[in-house]
PDB file of N, CA and C in Angstrom:
ATOM      1  N   MET A   1     103.805  93.821  75.120  1.00  0.00           N
ATOM      2  CA  MET A   1     102.438  93.504  74.833  1.00  0.00           C
ATOM      3  C   MET A   1     101.432  95.087  75.163  1.00  0.00           C
ATOM      4  N   SER A   2     100.645  95.014  74.398  1.00  0.00           N
ATOM      5  CA  SER A   2     100.417  96.533  74.137  1.00  0.00           C
ATOM      6  C   SER A   2      98.623  96.592  74.824  1.00  0.00           C
ATOM      7  N   GLU A   3      98.994  98.155  75.420  1.00  0.00           N
ATOM      8  CA  GLU A   3      97.580  97.713  76.703  1.00  0.00           C
ATOM      9  C   GLU A   3      96.352  98.474  75.913  1.00  0.00           C
ATOM     10  N   THR A   4      95.551  98.425  76.119  1.00  0.00           N
ATOM     11  CA  THR A   4      94.349  99.525  75.656  1.00  0.00           C
ATOM     12  C   THR A   4      93.883 100.065  76.403  1.00  0.00           C
ATOM     13  N   ARG A   5      93.724 101.465  76.172  1.00  0.00           N
ATOM     14  CA  ARG A   5      93.219 102.393  76.482  1.00  0.00           C
ATOM     15  C   ARG A   5      91.751 102.417  76.467  1.00  0.00           C
ATOM     16  N   ARG A   6      90.956 103.239  77.179  1.00  0.00           N
ATOM     17  CA  ARG A   6      89.720 103.292  77.017  1.00  0.00           C
ATOM     18  C   ARG A   6      90.313 105.041  76.911  1.00  0.00           C
ATOM     19  N   ALA A   7      88.421 105.834  76.136  1.00  0.00           N
ATOM     20  CA  ALA A   7      88.333 107.212  76.664  1.00  0.00           C
ATOM     21  C   ALA A   7      88.215 107.253  77.996  1.00  0.00           C
ATOM     22  N   GLY A   8      88.933 108.822  78.381  1.00  0.00           N
ATOM     23  CA  GLY A   8      88.792 109.242  80.031  1.00  0.00           C
ATOM     24  C   GLY A   8      89.948 108.604  80.710  1.00  0.00           C
ATOM     25  N   ASP A   9      90.786 107.622  80.390  1.00  0.00           N
ATOM     26  CA  ASP A   9      91.582 106.996  81.529  1.00  0.00           C
ATOM     27  C   ASP A   9      92.834 108.072  81.323  1.00  0.00           C
ATOM     28  N   PRO A  10      93.136 108.184  82.733  1.00  0.00           N
ATOM     29  CA  PRO A  10      94.560 109.287  82.792  1.00  0.00           C
ATOM     30  C   PRO A  10      95.579 108.974  81.636  1.00  0.00           C
ATOM     31  N   GLU A  11      96.283 109.765  81.551  1.00  0.00           N
ATOM     32  CA  GLU A  11      98.004 109.709  80.802  1.00  0.00           C
ATOM     33  C   GLU A  11      98.666 108.536  82.199  1.00  0.00           C
ATOM     34  N   LEU A  12      99.658 108.397  81.050  1.00  0.00           N
ATOM     35  CA  LEU A  12     100.910 107.203  82.455  1.00  0.00           C
ATOM     36  C   LEU A  12     101.346 108.612  83.371  1.00  0.00           C
ATOM     37  N   THR A  13     101.742 109.678  82.502  1.00  0.00           N
ATOM     38  CA  THR A  13     102.355 110.632  83.534  1.00  0.00           C
ATOM     39  C   THR A  13     101.632 110.666  84.391  1.00  0.00           C
ATOM     40  N   THR A  14     100.074 110.778  84.438  1.00  0.00           N
ATOM     41  CA  THR A  14      99.735 111.352  85.638  1.00  0.00           C
ATOM     42  C   THR A  14      99.915 110.164  87.384  1.00  0.00           C
ATOM     43  N   TYR A  15     100.289 109.194  86.879  1.00  0.00           N
ATOM     44  CA  TYR A  15     100.286 108.318  87.762  1.00  0.00           C
ATOM     45  C   TYR A  15     101.249 108.906  88.487  1.00  0.00           C
ATOM     46  N   ARG A  16     102.835 109.192  87.668  1.00  0.00           N
ATOM     47  CA  ARG A  16     104.105 109.800  88.507  1.00  0.00           C
ATOM     48  C   ARG A  16     104.006 110.968  89.080  1.00  0.00           C
ATOM     49  N   ASP A  17     102.804 111.754  88.225  1.00  0.00           N
ATOM     50  CA  ASP A  17     102.813 112.953  88.973  1.00  0.00           C
ATOM     51  C   ASP A  17     102.105 112.875  90.263  1.00  0.00           C
ATOM     52  N   VAL A  18     101.083 111.838  90.746  1.00  0.00           N
ATOM     53  CA  VAL A  18     100.531 111.710  91.753  1.00  0.00           C
ATOM     54  C   VAL A  18     101.528 110.888  92.899  1.00  0.00           C
ATOM     55  N   GLN A  19     102.292 110.309  92.031  1.00  0.00           N
ATOM     56  CA  GLN A  19     103.407 109.450  93.085  1.00  0.00           C
ATOM     57  C   GLN A  19     104.013 110.799  93.897  1.00  0.00           C
ATOM     58  N   LEU A  20     104.536 111.925  92.863  1.00  0.00           N
ATOM     59  CA  LEU A  20     105.540 112.833  93.273  1.00  0.00           C
ATOM     60  C   LEU A  20     105.173 114.150  94.252  1.00  0.00           C
ATOM     61  N   SER A  21     103.635 114.180  94.073  1.00  0.00           N
ATOM     62  CA  SER A  21     102.876 114.890  94.426  1.00  0.00           C
ATOM     63  C   SER A  21     102.956 114.949  96.422  1.00  0.00           C
ATOM     64  N   PRO A  22     103.174 116.550  96.961  1.00  0.00           N
ATOM     65  CA  PRO A  22     102.680 116.171  98.311  1.00  0.00           C
ATOM     66  C   PRO A  22     101.665 115.455  98.573  1.00  0.00           C
ATOM     67  N   ASP A  23     100.496 115.302  98.001  1.00  0.00           N
ATOM     68  CA  ASP A  23      99.457 115.068  98.867  1.00  0.00           C
ATOM     69  C   ASP A  23      99.810 113.550  99.599  1.00  0.00           C
ATOM     70  N   PHE A  24     100.500 112.837  98.148  1.00  0.00           N
ATOM     71  CA  PHE A  24     100.057 111.546  97.878  1.00  0.00           C
ATOM     72  C   PHE A  24     101.262 111.559  98.873  1.00  0.00           C
ATOM     73  N   SER A  25     102.362 112.021  99.196  1.00  0.00           N
ATOM     74  CA  SER A  25     103.550 112.095 100.418  1.00  0.00           C
ATOM     75  C   SER A  25     103.035 111.421 101.801  1.00  0.00           C
ATOM     76  N   GLU A  26     101.780 112.902 101.843  1.00  0.00           N
ATOM     77  CA  GLU A  26     100.963 113.023 102.853  1.00  0.00           C
ATOM     78  C   GLU A  26     100.373 111.935 103.574  1.00  0.00           C
ATOM     79  N   LEU A  27      99.844 111.164 102.334  1.00  0.00           N
ATOM     80  CA  LEU A  27      98.921 110.393 102.500  1.00  0.00           C
ATOM     81  C   LEU A  27      99.699 108.939 102.972  1.00  0.00           C
ATOM     82  N   ARG A  28     100.613 108.740 102.344  1.00  0.00           N
ATOM     83  CA  ARG A  28     101.859 107.770 102.526  1.00  0.00           C
ATOM     84  C   ARG A  28     102.396 107.893 104.257  1.00  0.00           C
ATOM     85  N   ARG A  29     102.197 108.981 104.638  1.00  0.00           N
ATOM     86  CA  ARG A  29     103.276 109.448 105.738  1.00  0.00           C
ATOM     87  C   ARG A  29     101.946 109.033 107.079  1.00  0.00           C
ATOM     88  N   ARG A  30     101.018 109.478 106.469  1.00  0.00           N
ATOM     89  CA  ARG A  30     100.154 109.385 107.465  1.00  0.00           C
ATOM     90  C   ARG A  30      99.726 107.627 107.959  1.00  0.00           C
ATOM     91  N   PHE A  31      99.869 107.060 106.848  1.00  0.00           N
ATOM     92  CA  PHE A  31      99.489 105.658 106.643  1.00  0.00           C
ATOM     93  C   PHE A  31     100.542 105.215 107.341  1.00  0.00           C
ATOM     94  N   ARG A  32     101.631 105.524 107.172  1.00  0.00           N
ATOM     95  CA  ARG A  32     102.900 104.222 107.785  1.00  0.00           C
ATOM     96  C   ARG A  32     103.059 104.696 109.576  1.00  0.00           C
ATOM     97  N   ARG A  33     102.687 106.072 109.552  1.00  0.00           N
ATOM     98  CA  ARG A  33     103.049 106.360 111.240  1.00  0.00           C
ATOM     99  C   ARG A  33     101.737 105.871 111.721  1.00  0.00           C
ATOM    100  N   PHE A  34     100.611 105.615 111.122  1.00  0.00           N
ATOM    101  CA  PHE A  34      99.662 104.812 112.449  1.00  0.00           C
ATOM    102  C   PHE A  34     100.138 102.751 112.025  1.00  0.00           C
ATOM    103  N   VAL A  35     100.412 102.401 110.576  1.00  0.00           N
ATOM    104  CA  VAL A  35     100.685 101.024 110.584  1.00  0.00           C
ATOM    105  C   VAL A  35     101.431 100.763 111.056  1.00  0.00           C
ATOM    106  N   PHE A  36     103.392 101.275 110.586  1.00  0.00           N
ATOM    107  CA  PHE A  36     104.325 100.883 111.426  1.00  0.00           C
ATOM    108  C   PHE A  36     104.472 100.726 112.704  1.00  0.00           C
ATOM    109  N   PRO A  37     103.635 101.433 113.828  1.00  0.00           N
ATOM    110  CA  PRO A  37     103.996 101.614 115.193  1.00  0.00           C
ATOM    111  C   PRO A  37     102.839 100.176 115.219  1.00  0.00           C
ATOM    112  N   MET A  38     101.854 100.374 115.067  1.00  0.00           N
ATOM    113  CA  MET A  38     100.582  99.448 115.168  1.00  0.00           C
ATOM    114  C   MET A  38     101.120  97.884 114.760  1.00  0.00           C
ATOM    115  N   THR A  39     102.086  97.384 114.023  1.00  0.00           N
ATOM    116  CA  THR A  39     102.472  96.136 113.275  1.00  0.00           C
ATOM    117  C   THR A  39     103.993  95.663 114.478  1.00  0.00           C
ATOM    118  N   GLY A  40     105.036  97.234 114.489  1.00  0.00           N
ATOM    119  CA  GLY A  40     105.278  96.643 116.021  1.00  0.00           C
ATOM    120  C   GLY A  40     105.062  96.153 116.962  1.00  0.00           C
ATOM    121  N   LEU A  41     103.683  96.660 117.634  1.00  0.00           N
ATOM    122  CA  LEU A  41     103.589  96.475 118.781  1.00  0.00           C
ATOM    123  C   LEU A  41     102.757  94.956 118.918  1.00  0.00           C
ATOM    124  N   PHE A  42     102.037  95.426 117.910  1.00  0.00           N
ATOM    125  CA  PHE A  42     101.715  93.945 117.510  1.00  0.00           C
ATOM    126  C   PHE A  42     102.581  92.480 117.501  1.00  0.00           C
ATOM    127  N   LEU A  43     103.875  92.470 116.874  1.00  0.00           N
ATOM    128  CA  LEU A  43     105.094  91.703 116.795  1.00  0.00           C
ATOM    129  C   LEU A  43     105.469  91.109 118.115  1.00  0.00           C
ATOM    130  N   VAL A  44     105.471  92.515 118.850  1.00  0.00           N
ATOM    131  CA  VAL A  44     106.214  92.353 120.111  1.00  0.00           C
ATOM    132  C   VAL A  44     105.791  91.507 121.074  1.00  0.00           C
ATOM    133  N   TRP A  45     103.986  91.983 121.174  1.00  0.00           N
ATOM    134  CA  TRP A  45     103.337  91.335 122.121  1.00  0.00           C
ATOM    135  C   TRP A  45     103.425  90.110 121.416  1.00  0.00           C
ATOM    136  N   TYR A  46     103.385  89.506 120.030  1.00  0.00           N
ATOM    137  CA  TYR A  46     103.243  88.314 119.599  1.00  0.00           C
ATOM    138  C   TYR A  46     104.373  87.401 119.987  1.00  0.00           C
ATOM    139  N   PHE A  47     105.581  88.197 120.034  1.00  0.00           N
ATOM    140  CA  PHE A  47     106.897  87.447 120.303  1.00  0.00           C
ATOM    141  C   PHE A  47     106.738  87.168 121.529  1.00  0.00           C
ATOM    142  N   VAL A  48     106.527  88.038 122.821  1.00  0.00           N
ATOM    143  CA  VAL A  48     106.419  88.149 123.940  1.00  0.00           C
ATOM    144  C   VAL A  48     105.640  86.570 124.231  1.00  0.00           C
ATOM    145  N   TYR A  49     104.569  86.385 123.891  1.00  0.00           N
ATOM    146  CA  TYR A  49     103.844  85.521 124.079  1.00  0.00           C
ATOM    147  C   TYR A  49     104.541  84.033 123.626  1.00  0.00           C
ATOM    148  N   VAL A  50     105.043  83.758 122.294  1.00  0.00           N
ATOM    149  CA  VAL A  50     106.043  82.941 122.169  1.00  0.00           C
ATOM    150  C   VAL A  50     107.070  82.048 122.591  1.00  0.00           C
ATOM    151  N   LEU A  51     107.709  83.439 122.856  1.00  0.00           N
ATOM    152  CA  LEU A  51     109.089  83.497 124.469  1.00  0.00           C
ATOM    153  C   LEU A  51     108.158  82.836 125.747  1.00  0.00           C
ATOM    154  N   LEU A  52     107.387  83.479 126.343  1.00  0.00           N
ATOM    155  CA  LEU A  52     106.882  83.410 127.107  1.00  0.00           C
ATOM    156  C   LEU A  52     106.353  81.408 126.946  1.00  0.00           C
ATOM    157  N   ALA A  53     105.745  80.686 125.915  1.00  0.00           N
ATOM    158  CA  ALA A  53     105.037  79.566 125.922  1.00  0.00           C
ATOM    159  C   ALA A  53     106.469  78.665 126.086  1.00  0.00           C
ATOM    160  N   ASP A  54     107.788  78.809 125.630  1.00  0.00           N
ATOM    161  CA  ASP A  54     109.142  78.357 125.224  1.00  0.00           C
ATOM    162  C   ASP A  54     109.948  78.186 126.569  1.00  0.00           C
ATOM    163  N   TYR A  55     110.167  79.521 127.399  1.00  0.00           N
ATOM    164  CA  TYR A  55     111.060  79.909 128.627  1.00  0.00           C
ATOM    165  C   TYR A  55     110.490  80.102 129.973  1.00  0.00           C
ATOM    166  N   ALA A  56     109.077  80.035 129.775  1.00  0.00           N
ATOM    167  CA  ALA A  56     108.256  79.716 130.886  1.00  0.00           C
ATOM    168  C   ALA A  56     107.065  79.193 131.395  1.00  0.00           C
ATOM    169  N   PRO A  57     107.301  77.765 130.739  1.00  0.00           N
ATOM    170  CA  PRO A  57     105.935  76.986 130.766  1.00  0.00           C
ATOM    171  C   PRO A  57     105.612  77.116 132.123  1.00  0.00           C
ATOM    172  N   GLY A  58     106.035  77.038 133.443  1.00  0.00           N
ATOM    173  CA  GLY A  58     105.615  77.017 134.762  1.00  0.00           C
ATOM    174  C   GLY A  58     104.593  78.524 134.662  1.00  0.00           C
ATOM    175  N   PHE A  59     104.802  79.227 134.453  1.00  0.00           N
ATOM    176  CA  PHE A  59     103.870  80.632 134.072  1.00  0.00           C
ATOM    177  C   PHE A  59     102.689  80.592 133.417  1.00  0.00           C
ATOM    178  N   MET A  60     102.992  80.145 132.241  1.00  0.00           N
ATOM    179  CA  MET A  60     102.446  80.051 131.407  1.00  0.00           C
ATOM    180  C   MET A  60     101.625  78.777 131.740  1.00  0.00           C
ATOM    181  N   SER A  61     101.675  77.640 132.868  1.00  0.00           N
ATOM    182  CA  SER A  61     100.658  76.618 132.933  1.00  0.00           C
ATOM    183  C   SER A  61     100.140  76.760 133.973  1.00  0.00           C
ATOM    184  N   HIS A  62      99.900  78.276 134.772  1.00  0.00           N
ATOM    185  CA  HIS A  62      99.277  78.678 135.823  1.00  0.00           C
ATOM    186  C   HIS A  62      98.662  78.583 135.769  1.00  0.00           C
ATOM    187  N   LYS A  63      97.302  77.677 136.636  1.00  0.00           N
ATOM    188  CA  LYS A  63      96.207  77.938 136.501  1.00  0.00           C
ATOM    189  C   LYS A  63      95.530  78.924 137.201  1.00  0.00           C
ATOM    190  N   LEU A  64      94.556  79.502 136.367  1.00  0.00           N
ATOM    191  CA  LEU A  64      93.515  80.368 136.915  1.00  0.00           C
ATOM    192  C   LEU A  64      92.335  80.258 137.642  1.00  0.00           C
ATOM    193  N   VAL A  65      91.249  79.469 136.657  1.00  0.00           N
ATOM    194  CA  VAL A  65      90.118  79.074 137.134  1.00  0.00           C
ATOM    195  C   VAL A  65      89.918  77.700 136.511  1.00  0.00           C
ATOM    196  N   GLY A  66      89.790  76.567 137.050  1.00  0.00           N
ATOM    197  CA  GLY A  66      89.418  75.320 136.986  1.00  0.00           C
ATOM    198  C   GLY A  66      90.848  74.993 135.505  1.00  0.00           C
ATOM    199  N   ASN A  67      90.805  74.337 134.824  1.00  0.00           N
ATOM    200  CA  ASN A  67      92.072  74.271 133.783  1.00  0.00           C
ATOM    201  C   ASN A  67      92.298  75.140 132.885  1.00  0.00           C
ATOM    202  N   PHE A  68      92.141  76.854 133.143  1.00  0.00           N
ATOM    203  CA  PHE A  68      91.986  77.917 132.549  1.00  0.00           C
ATOM    204  C   PHE A  68      93.343  78.012 133.170  1.00  0.00           C
ATOM    205  N   ASN A  69      94.222  78.626 132.309  1.00  0.00           N
ATOM    206  CA  ASN A  69      95.681  78.463 132.734  1.00  0.00           C
ATOM    207  C   ASN A  69      95.813  80.071 132.268  1.00  0.00           C
ATOM    208  N   VAL A  70      97.184  80.621 132.524  1.00  0.00           N
ATOM    209  CA  VAL A  70      97.746  81.932 131.424  1.00  0.00           C
ATOM    210  C   VAL A  70      98.205  81.333 130.449  1.00  0.00           C
ATOM    211  N   GLY A  71      98.874  80.787 130.202  1.00  0.00           N
ATOM    212  CA  GLY A  71      98.750  80.282 128.279  1.00  0.00           C
ATOM    213  C   GLY A  71      97.475  80.596 128.017  1.00  0.00           C
ATOM    214  N   LEU A  72      96.371  80.019 128.072  1.00  0.00           N
ATOM    215  CA  LEU A  72      95.416  79.598 127.033  1.00  0.00           C
ATOM    216  C   LEU A  72      94.483  81.410 127.495  1.00  0.00           C
ATOM    217  N   LEU A  73      94.951  81.964 128.579  1.00  0.00           N
ATOM    218  CA  LEU A  73      94.037  83.425 128.519  1.00  0.00           C
ATOM    219  C   LEU A  73      95.203  84.184 127.356  1.00  0.00           C
ATOM    220  N   LEU A  74      96.148  84.016 127.941  1.00  0.00           N
ATOM    221  CA  LEU A  74      97.445  84.984 126.242  1.00  0.00           C
ATOM    222  C   LEU A  74      97.003  84.436 125.128  1.00  0.00           C
ATOM    223  N   GLY A  75      96.926  83.392 124.879  1.00  0.00           N
ATOM    224  CA  GLY A  75      96.567  82.980 123.580  1.00  0.00           C
ATOM    225  C   GLY A  75      94.858  83.341 122.909  1.00  0.00           C
ATOM    226  N   LEU A  76      94.057  83.172 123.809  1.00  0.00           N
ATOM    227  CA  LEU A  76      93.052  83.765 123.430  1.00  0.00           C
ATOM    228  C   LEU A  76      92.946  85.792 123.178  1.00  0.00           C
ATOM    229  N   GLY A  77      93.581  85.849 124.052  1.00  0.00           N
ATOM    230  CA  GLY A  77      94.597  87.156 124.230  1.00  0.00           C
ATOM    231  C   GLY A  77      94.439  87.977 122.586  1.00  0.00           C
ATOM    232  N   GLN A  78      95.509  86.890 122.019  1.00  0.00           N
ATOM    233  CA  GLN A  78      95.680  86.904 120.625  1.00  0.00           C
ATOM    234  C   GLN A  78      95.130  87.312 119.888  1.00  0.00           C
ATOM    235  N   PHE A  79      93.925  86.371 119.556  1.00  0.00           N
ATOM    236  CA  PHE A  79      92.793  86.556 118.324  1.00  0.00           C
ATOM    237  C   PHE A  79      92.028  88.340 118.615  1.00  0.00           C
ATOM    238  N   VAL A  80      91.701  88.056 120.288  1.00  0.00           N
ATOM    239  CA  VAL A  80      91.189  89.104 120.599  1.00  0.00           C
ATOM    240  C   VAL A  80      91.795  90.426 120.072  1.00  0.00           C
ATOM    241  N   SER A  81      93.362  90.675 120.325  1.00  0.00           N
ATOM    242  CA  SER A  81      94.061  91.695 119.941  1.00  0.00           C
ATOM    243  C   SER A  81      94.180  92.034 118.205  1.00  0.00           C
ATOM    244  N   THR A  82      94.021  90.905 117.673  1.00  0.00           N
ATOM    245  CA  THR A  82      93.893  91.063 116.286  1.00  0.00           C
ATOM    246  C   THR A  82      92.650  91.459 115.845  1.00  0.00           C
ATOM    247  N   PHE A  83      91.248  90.983 116.620  1.00  0.00           N
ATOM    248  CA  PHE A  83      90.342  91.867 115.627  1.00  0.00           C
ATOM    249  C   PHE A  83      90.340  93.169 116.352  1.00  0.00           C
ATOM    250  N   ALA A  84      90.840  93.643 117.632  1.00  0.00           N
ATOM    251  CA  ALA A  84      90.697  94.827 117.586  1.00  0.00           C
ATOM    252  C   ALA A  84      91.739  95.396 117.436  1.00  0.00           C
ATOM    253  N   ILE A  85      93.108  95.487 116.555  1.00  0.00           N
ATOM    254  CA  ILE A  85      93.807  95.953 115.655  1.00  0.00           C
ATOM    255  C   ILE A  85      92.958  95.975 114.337  1.00  0.00           C
ATOM    256  N   THR A  86      92.399  95.025 114.149  1.00  0.00           N
ATOM    257  CA  THR A  86      91.757  95.236 112.690  1.00  0.00           C
ATOM    258  C   THR A  86      90.065  96.563 112.732  1.00  0.00           C
ATOM    259  N   MET A  87      89.779  96.450 114.079  1.00  0.00           N
ATOM    260  CA  MET A  87      88.520  97.306 114.008  1.00  0.00           C
ATOM    261  C   MET A  87      88.887  98.890 114.399  1.00  0.00           C
ATOM    262  N   ILE A  88      89.994  98.677 114.828  1.00  0.00           N
ATOM    263  CA  ILE A  88      90.819 100.011 114.983  1.00  0.00           C
ATOM    264  C   ILE A  88      91.116 100.636 113.572  1.00  0.00           C
ATOM    265  N   TYR A  89      92.169 100.168 113.010  1.00  0.00           N
ATOM    266  CA  TYR A  89      92.963 100.304 111.733  1.00  0.00           C
ATOM    267  C   TYR A  89      91.209 100.527 110.764  1.00  0.00           C
ATOM    268  N   VAL A  90      90.430 100.173 110.476  1.00  0.00           N
ATOM    269  CA  VAL A  90      88.933 100.381 109.868  1.00  0.00           C
ATOM    270  C   VAL A  90      88.305 101.475 109.999  1.00  0.00           C
ATOM    271  N   ARG A  91      88.367 101.922 111.309  1.00  0.00           N
ATOM    272  CA  ARG A  91      87.916 103.343 111.509  1.00  0.00           C
ATOM    273  C   ARG A  91      88.982 104.175 111.274  1.00  0.00           C
ATOM    274  N   TRP A  92      90.340 103.932 111.575  1.00  0.00           N
ATOM    275  CA  TRP A  92      90.863 104.927 111.776  1.00  0.00           C
ATOM    276  C   TRP A  92      91.119 105.510 110.680  1.00  0.00           C
ATOM    277  N   ALA A  93      91.554 104.206 109.114  1.00  0.00           N
ATOM    278  CA  ALA A  93      91.459 104.472 107.985  1.00  0.00           C
ATOM    279  C   ALA A  93      90.146 105.295 106.903  1.00  0.00           C
ATOM    280  N   ASP A  94      89.152 104.699 107.894  1.00  0.00           N
ATOM    281  CA  ASP A  94      87.300 105.289 107.503  1.00  0.00           C
ATOM    282  C   ASP A  94      87.747 106.786 107.614  1.00  0.00           C
ATOM    283  N   ARG A  95      88.315 107.439 108.723  1.00  0.00           N
ATOM    284  CA  ARG A  95      88.324 108.818 109.273  1.00  0.00           C
ATOM    285  C   ARG A  95      90.019 109.459 108.605  1.00  0.00           C
ATOM    286  N   GLU A  96      90.471 108.743 108.406  1.00  0.00           N
ATOM    287  CA  GLU A  96      91.807 109.974 108.138  1.00  0.00           C
ATOM    288  C   GLU A  96      92.200 109.528 107.089  1.00  0.00           C
ATOM    289  N   ILE A  97      92.399 107.758 106.225  1.00  0.00           N
ATOM    290  CA  ILE A  97      93.029 107.757 104.822  1.00  0.00           C
ATOM    291  C   ILE A  97      91.865 108.055 103.531  1.00  0.00           C
ATOM    292  N   ASP A  98      90.591 107.400 104.121  1.00  0.00           N
ATOM    293  CA  ASP A  98      90.165 107.025 102.816  1.00  0.00           C
ATOM    294  C   ASP A  98      89.469 108.410 102.346  1.00  0.00           C
ATOM    295  N   PRO A  99      88.692 109.448 103.164  1.00  0.00           N
ATOM    296  CA  PRO A  99      88.699 111.198 102.652  1.00  0.00           C
ATOM    297  C   PRO A  99      89.736 111.669 101.605  1.00  0.00           C
ATOM    298  N   ALA A 100      90.820 111.583 102.125  1.00  0.00           N
ATOM    299  CA  ALA A 100      92.282 112.451 101.263  1.00  0.00           C
ATOM    300  C   ALA A 100      92.345 111.197 100.094  1.00  0.00           C
ATOM    301  N   ALA A 101      92.319 110.219 100.026  1.00  0.00           N
ATOM    302  CA  ALA A 101      92.228 108.575  99.586  1.00  0.00           C
ATOM    303  C   ALA A 101      90.966 109.509  97.998  1.00  0.00           C
ATOM    304  N   GLU A 102      90.151 109.459  98.418  1.00  0.00           N
ATOM    305  CA  GLU A 102      89.027 109.883  97.272  1.00  0.00           C
ATOM    306  C   GLU A 102      88.733 111.200  97.032  1.00  0.00           C
ATOM    307  N   ARG A 103      89.428 111.867  97.617  1.00  0.00           N
ATOM    308  CA  ARG A 103      89.405 113.076  97.088  1.00  0.00           C
ATOM    309  C   ARG A 103      90.722 113.439  96.392  1.00  0.00           C
ATOM    310  N   MET A 104      91.788 112.696  96.068  1.00  0.00           N
ATOM    311  CA  MET A 104      92.895 112.647  94.683  1.00  0.00           C
ATOM    312  C   MET A 104      92.502 111.669  94.190  1.00  0.00           C
ATOM    313  N   ARG A 105      91.512 110.225  94.208  1.00  0.00           N
ATOM    314  CA  ARG A 105      91.025 109.779  92.792  1.00  0.00           C
ATOM    315  C   ARG A 105      90.161 111.158  92.608  1.00  0.00           C
ATOM    316  N   THR A 106      89.141 111.742  92.727  1.00  0.00           N
ATOM    317  CA  THR A 106      88.502 112.553  92.254  1.00  0.00           C
ATOM    318  C   THR A 106      89.874 113.511  91.173  1.00  0.00           C
ATOM    319  N   LEU A 107      90.484 113.845  92.168  1.00  0.00           N
ATOM    320  CA  LEU A 107      91.254 114.889  91.010  1.00  0.00           C
ATOM    321  C   LEU A 107      92.414 113.989  89.824  1.00  0.00           C
ATOM    322  N   ILE A 108      91.837 113.251  89.780  1.00  0.00           N
ATOM    323  CA  ILE A 108      92.937 111.932  88.582  1.00  0.00           C
ATOM    324  C   ILE A 108      91.873 111.869  87.984  1.00  0.00           C
ATOM    325  N   GLU A 109      90.850 111.199  88.383  1.00  0.00           N
ATOM    326  CA  GLU A 109      89.580 110.359  87.040  1.00  0.00           C
ATOM    327  C   GLU A 109      88.863 111.976  86.805  1.00  0.00           C
ATOM    328  N   GLY A 110      88.657 112.554  88.126  1.00  0.00           N
ATOM    329  CA  GLY A 110      87.499 113.765  88.004  1.00  0.00           C
ATOM    330  C   GLY A 110      86.034 113.397  88.311  1.00  0.00           C
ATOM    331  N   GLU A 111      85.447 114.572  87.860  1.00  0.00           N
ATOM    332  CA  GLU A 111      84.404 114.119  88.808  1.00  0.00           C
ATOM    333  C   GLU A 111      83.239 113.725  88.515  1.00  0.00           C
ATOM    334  N   ASP A 112      83.379 112.818  87.048  1.00  0.00           N
ATOM    335  CA  ASP A 112      81.933 111.741  86.247  1.00  0.00           C
ATOM    336  C   ASP A 112      82.356 110.764  86.551  1.00  0.00           C
ATOM    337  N   GLN A 113      83.514 110.278  87.007  1.00  0.00           N
ATOM    338  CA  GLN A 113      83.777 108.760  87.400  1.00  0.00           C
ATOM    339  C   GLN A 113      82.714 108.274  88.360  1.00  0.00           C
TER     340      GLN A 113
END
């Protein structure tokens, strides 16, 4: 199947050149330095919750206030931490990743795009 190219489209070699460029490598490195540890931290937190639910039912069922127990508190903490990680990532990406990605896009596509 042949692809239709339009005037102003970057050459296919441009994408390979970008992928091999030091700027792109730095962008990927910064992304990975944030995302991998954050993902690992969240997965540890999630698996601790699951393991506590399975192997420490007495602890998880300990009542804190009325019928509100440790298990419910940690379960709600899963939702809170998911939203917190999302907000942290969005702020970080806006500050660290997006400007560099925009500069690369401008270099590839040109100023008039």
